PDB file of all heavy atoms in Angstrom:
ATOM      1  N   ARG A   1      13.570  -9.249   7.475  1.00  0.00           N
ATOM      2  CA  ARG A   1      13.435  -7.949   8.144  1.00  0.00           C
ATOM      3  C   ARG A   1      13.213  -6.845   7.107  1.00  0.00           C
ATOM      4  O   ARG A   1      12.466  -5.895   7.351  1.00  0.00           O
ATOM      5  CB  ARG A   1      14.663  -7.669   9.000  1.00  0.00           C
ATOM      6  CG  ARG A   1      14.665  -8.466  10.312  1.00  0.00           C
ATOM      7  CD  ARG A   1      15.940  -8.298  11.083  1.00  0.00           C
ATOM      8  NE  ARG A   1      15.826  -8.889  12.425  1.00  0.00           N
ATOM      9  CZ  ARG A   1      16.853  -9.297  13.141  1.00  0.00           C
ATOM     10  NH1 ARG A   1      18.108  -9.191  12.661  1.00  0.00           N
ATOM     11  NH2 ARG A   1      16.667  -9.806  14.347  1.00  0.00           N
ATOM     12  N   GLY A   2      13.866  -7.001   5.955  1.00  0.00           N
ATOM     13  CA  GLY A   2      13.616  -6.064   4.863  1.00  0.00           C
ATOM     14  C   GLY A   2      12.191  -6.167   4.350  1.00  0.00           C
ATOM     15  O   GLY A   2      11.563  -5.159   4.015  1.00  0.00           O
ATOM     16  N   TYR A   3      11.664  -7.406   4.298  1.00  0.00           N
ATOM     17  CA  TYR A   3      10.271  -7.588   3.899  1.00  0.00           C
ATOM     18  C   TYR A   3       9.342  -6.848   4.861  1.00  0.00           C
ATOM     19  O   TYR A   3       8.402  -6.167   4.439  1.00  0.00           O
ATOM     20  CB  TYR A   3       9.893  -9.073   3.919  1.00  0.00           C
ATOM     21  CG  TYR A   3      10.353  -9.882   2.724  1.00  0.00           C
ATOM     22  CD1 TYR A   3      11.572  -9.640   2.106  1.00  0.00           C
ATOM     23  CD2 TYR A   3       9.568 -10.915   2.221  1.00  0.00           C
ATOM     24  CE1 TYR A   3      11.994 -10.400   1.036  1.00  0.00           C
ATOM     25  CE2 TYR A   3       9.979 -11.678   1.147  1.00  0.00           C
ATOM     26  CZ  TYR A   3      11.202 -11.416   0.557  1.00  0.00           C
ATOM     27  OH  TYR A   3      11.610 -12.159  -0.517  1.00  0.00           O
ATOM     28  N   LEU A   4       9.600  -6.989   6.164  1.00  0.00           N
ATOM     29  CA  LEU A   4       8.743  -6.336   7.156  1.00  0.00           C
ATOM     30  C   LEU A   4       8.739  -4.827   6.969  1.00  0.00           C
ATOM     31  O   LEU A   4       7.683  -4.175   7.019  1.00  0.00           O
ATOM     32  CB  LEU A   4       9.214  -6.683   8.571  1.00  0.00           C
ATOM     33  CG  LEU A   4       8.874  -8.082   9.088  1.00  0.00           C
ATOM     34  CD1 LEU A   4       9.483  -8.291  10.471  1.00  0.00           C
ATOM     35  CD2 LEU A   4       7.372  -8.304   9.140  1.00  0.00           C
ATOM     36  N   ALA A   5       9.912  -4.255   6.744  1.00  0.00           N
ATOM     37  CA  ALA A   5       9.995  -2.805   6.555  1.00  0.00           C
ATOM     38  C   ALA A   5       9.261  -2.381   5.282  1.00  0.00           C
ATOM     39  O   ALA A   5       8.545  -1.372   5.272  1.00  0.00           O
ATOM     40  CB  ALA A   5      11.462  -2.376   6.504  1.00  0.00           C
ATOM     41  N   ALA A   6       9.449  -3.153   4.209  1.00  0.00           N
ATOM     42  CA  ALA A   6       8.785  -2.822   2.949  1.00  0.00           C
ATOM     43  C   ALA A   6       7.272  -2.955   3.080  1.00  0.00           C
ATOM     44  O   ALA A   6       6.516  -2.126   2.542  1.00  0.00           O
ATOM     45  CB  ALA A   6       9.307  -3.729   1.839  1.00  0.00           C
ATOM     46  N   TYR A   7       6.808  -3.969   3.787  1.00  0.00           N
ATOM     47  CA  TYR A   7       5.369  -4.160   3.963  1.00  0.00           C
ATOM     48  C   TYR A   7       4.767  -3.079   4.851  1.00  0.00           C
ATOM     49  O   TYR A   7       3.623  -2.665   4.646  1.00  0.00           O
ATOM     50  CB  TYR A   7       5.094  -5.546   4.539  1.00  0.00           C
ATOM     51  CG  TYR A   7       5.280  -6.659   3.529  1.00  0.00           C
ATOM     52  CD1 TYR A   7       5.263  -7.995   3.919  1.00  0.00           C
ATOM     53  CD2 TYR A   7       5.470  -6.387   2.175  1.00  0.00           C
ATOM     54  CE1 TYR A   7       5.423  -9.021   2.997  1.00  0.00           C
ATOM     55  CE2 TYR A   7       5.635  -7.391   1.250  1.00  0.00           C
ATOM     56  CZ  TYR A   7       5.613  -8.712   1.666  1.00  0.00           C
ATOM     57  OH  TYR A   7       5.775  -9.716   0.747  1.00  0.00           O
ATOM     58  N   GLU A   8       5.526  -2.621   5.831  1.00  0.00           N
ATOM     59  CA  GLU A   8       5.024  -1.538   6.676  1.00  0.00           C
ATOM     60  C   GLU A   8       4.834  -0.265   5.854  1.00  0.00           C
ATOM     61  O   GLU A   8       3.817   0.435   5.996  1.00  0.00           O
ATOM     62  CB  GLU A   8       6.000  -1.275   7.824  1.00  0.00           C
ATOM     63  CG  GLU A   8       5.533  -0.213   8.804  1.00  0.00           C
ATOM     64  CD  GLU A   8       6.489  -0.013   9.959  1.00  0.00           C
ATOM     65  OE1 GLU A   8       7.540  -0.685  10.004  1.00  0.00           O
ATOM     66  OE2 GLU A   8       6.188   0.823  10.835  1.00  0.00           O
ATOM     67  N   ARG A   9       5.784   0.014   4.965  1.00  0.00           N
ATOM     68  CA  ARG A   9       5.659   1.212   4.122  1.00  0.00           C
ATOM     69  C   ARG A   9       4.482   1.086   3.160  1.00  0.00           C
ATOM     70  O   ARG A   9       3.710   2.035   2.976  1.00  0.00           O
ATOM     71  CB  ARG A   9       6.963   1.450   3.346  1.00  0.00           C
ATOM     72  CG  ARG A   9       8.148   1.850   4.214  1.00  0.00           C
ATOM     73  CD  ARG A   9       9.318   2.320   3.369  1.00  0.00           C
ATOM     74  NE  ARG A   9       9.844   1.268   2.526  1.00  0.00           N
ATOM     75  CZ  ARG A   9      10.824   0.430   2.897  1.00  0.00           C
ATOM     76  NH1 ARG A   9      11.349   0.520   4.117  1.00  0.00           N
ATOM     77  NH2 ARG A   9      11.278  -0.483   2.068  1.00  0.00           N
ATOM     78  N   LEU A  10       4.345  -0.095   2.544  1.00  0.00           N
ATOM     79  CA  LEU A  10       3.246  -0.268   1.598  1.00  0.00           C
ATOM     80  C   LEU A  10       1.900  -0.222   2.315  1.00  0.00           C
ATOM     81  O   LEU A  10       0.946   0.387   1.813  1.00  0.00           O
ATOM     82  CB  LEU A  10       3.396  -1.597   0.859  1.00  0.00           C
ATOM     83  CG  LEU A  10       2.292  -1.915  -0.166  1.00  0.00           C
ATOM     84  CD1 LEU A  10       2.207  -0.846  -1.240  1.00  0.00           C
ATOM     85  CD2 LEU A  10       2.513  -3.293  -0.793  1.00  0.00           C
ATOM     86  N   ALA A  11       1.809  -0.851   3.485  1.00  0.00           N
ATOM     87  CA  ALA A  11       0.552  -0.831   4.232  1.00  0.00           C
ATOM     88  C   ALA A  11       0.159   0.595   4.594  1.00  0.00           C
ATOM     89  O   ALA A  11      -1.023   0.963   4.516  1.00  0.00           O
ATOM     90  CB  ALA A  11       0.677  -1.690   5.488  1.00  0.00           C
ATOM     91  N   ALA A  12       1.130   1.405   4.980  1.00  0.00           N
ATOM     92  CA  ALA A  12       0.826   2.793   5.316  1.00  0.00           C
ATOM     93  C   ALA A  12       0.299   3.539   4.097  1.00  0.00           C
ATOM     94  O   ALA A  12      -0.642   4.336   4.190  1.00  0.00           O
ATOM     95  CB  ALA A  12       2.079   3.478   5.874  1.00  0.00           C
ATOM     96  N   ALA A  13       0.903   3.270   2.937  1.00  0.00           N
ATOM     97  CA  ALA A  13       0.452   3.938   1.711  1.00  0.00           C
ATOM     98  C   ALA A  13      -0.945   3.475   1.324  1.00  0.00           C
ATOM     99  O   ALA A  13      -1.807   4.286   0.958  1.00  0.00           O
ATOM    100  CB  ALA A  13       1.443   3.665   0.579  1.00  0.00           C
ATOM    101  N   LEU A  14      -1.199   2.170   1.416  1.00  0.00           N
ATOM    102  CA  LEU A  14      -2.515   1.657   1.038  1.00  0.00           C
ATOM    103  C   LEU A  14      -3.596   2.078   2.031  1.00  0.00           C
ATOM    104  O   LEU A  14      -4.757   2.260   1.659  1.00  0.00           O
ATOM    105  CB  LEU A  14      -2.476   0.130   0.936  1.00  0.00           C
ATOM    106  CG  LEU A  14      -1.610  -0.465  -0.177  1.00  0.00           C
ATOM    107  CD1 LEU A  14      -1.739  -1.988  -0.191  1.00  0.00           C
ATOM    108  CD2 LEU A  14      -1.973   0.105  -1.534  1.00  0.00           C
ATOM    109  N   ALA A  15      -3.232   2.228   3.296  1.00  0.00           N
ATOM    110  CA  ALA A  15      -4.218   2.625   4.301  1.00  0.00           C
ATOM    111  C   ALA A  15      -4.741   4.032   4.054  1.00  0.00           C
ATOM    112  O   ALA A  15      -5.851   4.367   4.480  1.00  0.00           O
ATOM    113  CB  ALA A  15      -3.607   2.532   5.700  1.00  0.00           C
ATOM    114  N   ARG A  16      -3.951   4.828   3.337  1.00  0.00           N
ATOM    115  CA  ARG A  16      -4.401   6.195   3.035  1.00  0.00           C
ATOM    116  C   ARG A  16      -5.452   6.201   1.933  1.00  0.00           C
ATOM    117  O   ARG A  16      -6.085   7.236   1.680  1.00  0.00           O
ATOM    118  CB  ARG A  16      -3.203   7.067   2.632  1.00  0.00           C
ATOM    119  CG  ARG A  16      -2.253   7.348   3.789  1.00  0.00           C
ATOM    120  CD  ARG A  16      -1.284   8.460   3.449  1.00  0.00           C
ATOM    121  NE  ARG A  16      -0.314   8.048   2.444  1.00  0.00           N
ATOM    122  CZ  ARG A  16       0.882   7.526   2.738  1.00  0.00           C
ATOM    123  NH1 ARG A  16       1.229   7.325   4.006  1.00  0.00           N
ATOM    124  NH2 ARG A  16       1.711   7.180   1.776  1.00  0.00           N
ATOM    125  N   GLY A  17      -5.644   5.068   1.268  1.00  0.00           N
ATOM    126  CA  GLY A  17      -6.674   4.975   0.229  1.00  0.00           C
ATOM    127  C   GLY A  17      -6.220   5.626  -1.054  1.00  0.00           C
ATOM    128  O   GLY A  17      -5.062   5.532  -1.467  1.00  0.00           O
ATOM    129  N   GLY A  18      -7.159   6.305  -1.693  1.00  0.00           N
ATOM    130  CA  GLY A  18      -6.835   7.011  -2.925  1.00  0.00           C
ATOM    131  C   GLY A  18      -6.657   6.101  -4.118  1.00  0.00           C
ATOM    132  O   GLY A  18      -5.879   6.409  -5.015  1.00  0.00           O
ATOM    133  N   VAL A  19      -7.348   4.973  -4.134  1.00  0.00           N
ATOM    134  CA  VAL A  19      -7.226   4.047  -5.262  1.00  0.00           C
ATOM    135  C   VAL A  19      -7.814   4.675  -6.524  1.00  0.00           C
ATOM    136  O   VAL A  19      -8.931   5.187  -6.517  1.00  0.00           O
ATOM    137  CB  VAL A  19      -7.955   2.724  -4.963  1.00  0.00           C
ATOM    138  CG1 VAL A  19      -8.003   1.841  -6.204  1.00  0.00           C
ATOM    139  CG2 VAL A  19      -7.269   2.002  -3.826  1.00  0.00           C
ATOM    140  N   GLN A  20      -7.036   4.649  -7.591  1.00  0.00           N
ATOM    141  CA  GLN A  20      -7.548   5.071  -8.892  1.00  0.00           C
ATOM    142  C   GLN A  20      -8.063   3.811  -9.586  1.00  0.00           C
ATOM    143  O   GLN A  20      -7.322   3.099 -10.242  1.00  0.00           O
ATOM    144  CB  GLN A  20      -6.447   5.745  -9.711  1.00  0.00           C
ATOM    145  CG  GLN A  20      -5.958   7.062  -9.107  1.00  0.00           C
ATOM    146  CD  GLN A  20      -4.893   7.713  -9.957  1.00  0.00           C
ATOM    147  OE1 GLN A  20      -4.337   7.100 -10.864  1.00  0.00           O
ATOM    148  NE2 GLN A  20      -4.602   8.976  -9.664  1.00  0.00           N
ATOM    149  N   ALA A  21      -9.338   3.557  -9.374  1.00  0.00           N
ATOM    150  CA  ALA A  21      -9.912   2.288  -9.815  1.00  0.00           C
ATOM    151  C   ALA A  21      -9.756   2.087 -11.315  1.00  0.00           C
ATOM    152  O   ALA A  21      -9.856   3.022 -12.106  1.00  0.00           O
ATOM    153  CB  ALA A  21     -11.390   2.218  -9.430  1.00  0.00           C
ATOM    154  N   ALA A  22      -9.514   0.822 -11.668  1.00  0.00           N
ATOM    155  CA  ALA A  22      -9.415   0.456 -13.078  1.00  0.00           C
ATOM    156  C   ALA A  22     -10.808   0.421 -13.686  1.00  0.00           C
ATOM    157  O   ALA A  22     -11.815   0.611 -13.015  1.00  0.00           O
ATOM    158  CB  ALA A  22      -8.739  -0.903 -13.194  1.00  0.00           C
ATOM    159  N   ALA A  23     -10.865   0.195 -14.984  1.00  0.00           N
ATOM    160  CA  ALA A  23     -12.159   0.034 -15.654  1.00  0.00           C
ATOM    161  C   ALA A  23     -12.939  -1.076 -14.964  1.00  0.00           C
ATOM    162  O   ALA A  23     -12.345  -2.047 -14.475  1.00  0.00           O
ATOM    163  CB  ALA A  23     -11.934  -0.308 -17.120  1.00  0.00           C
ATOM    164  N   PRO A  24     -14.270  -0.944 -14.887  1.00  0.00           N
ATOM    165  CA  PRO A  24     -15.070  -1.942 -14.161  1.00  0.00           C
ATOM    166  C   PRO A  24     -14.782  -3.381 -14.567  1.00  0.00           C
ATOM    167  O   PRO A  24     -14.709  -4.264 -13.709  1.00  0.00           O
ATOM    168  CB  PRO A  24     -16.507  -1.530 -14.499  1.00  0.00           C
ATOM    169  CG  PRO A  24     -16.424  -0.064 -14.747  1.00  0.00           C
ATOM    170  CD  PRO A  24     -15.096   0.158 -15.407  1.00  0.00           C
TER     171      PRO A  24
END
């Protein structure tokens, strides 16, 4: 259940985008 909560938070953060791409 803790995994589910943590994954929900991370998914929300990743869904917002904003990736600072690494070197090609």
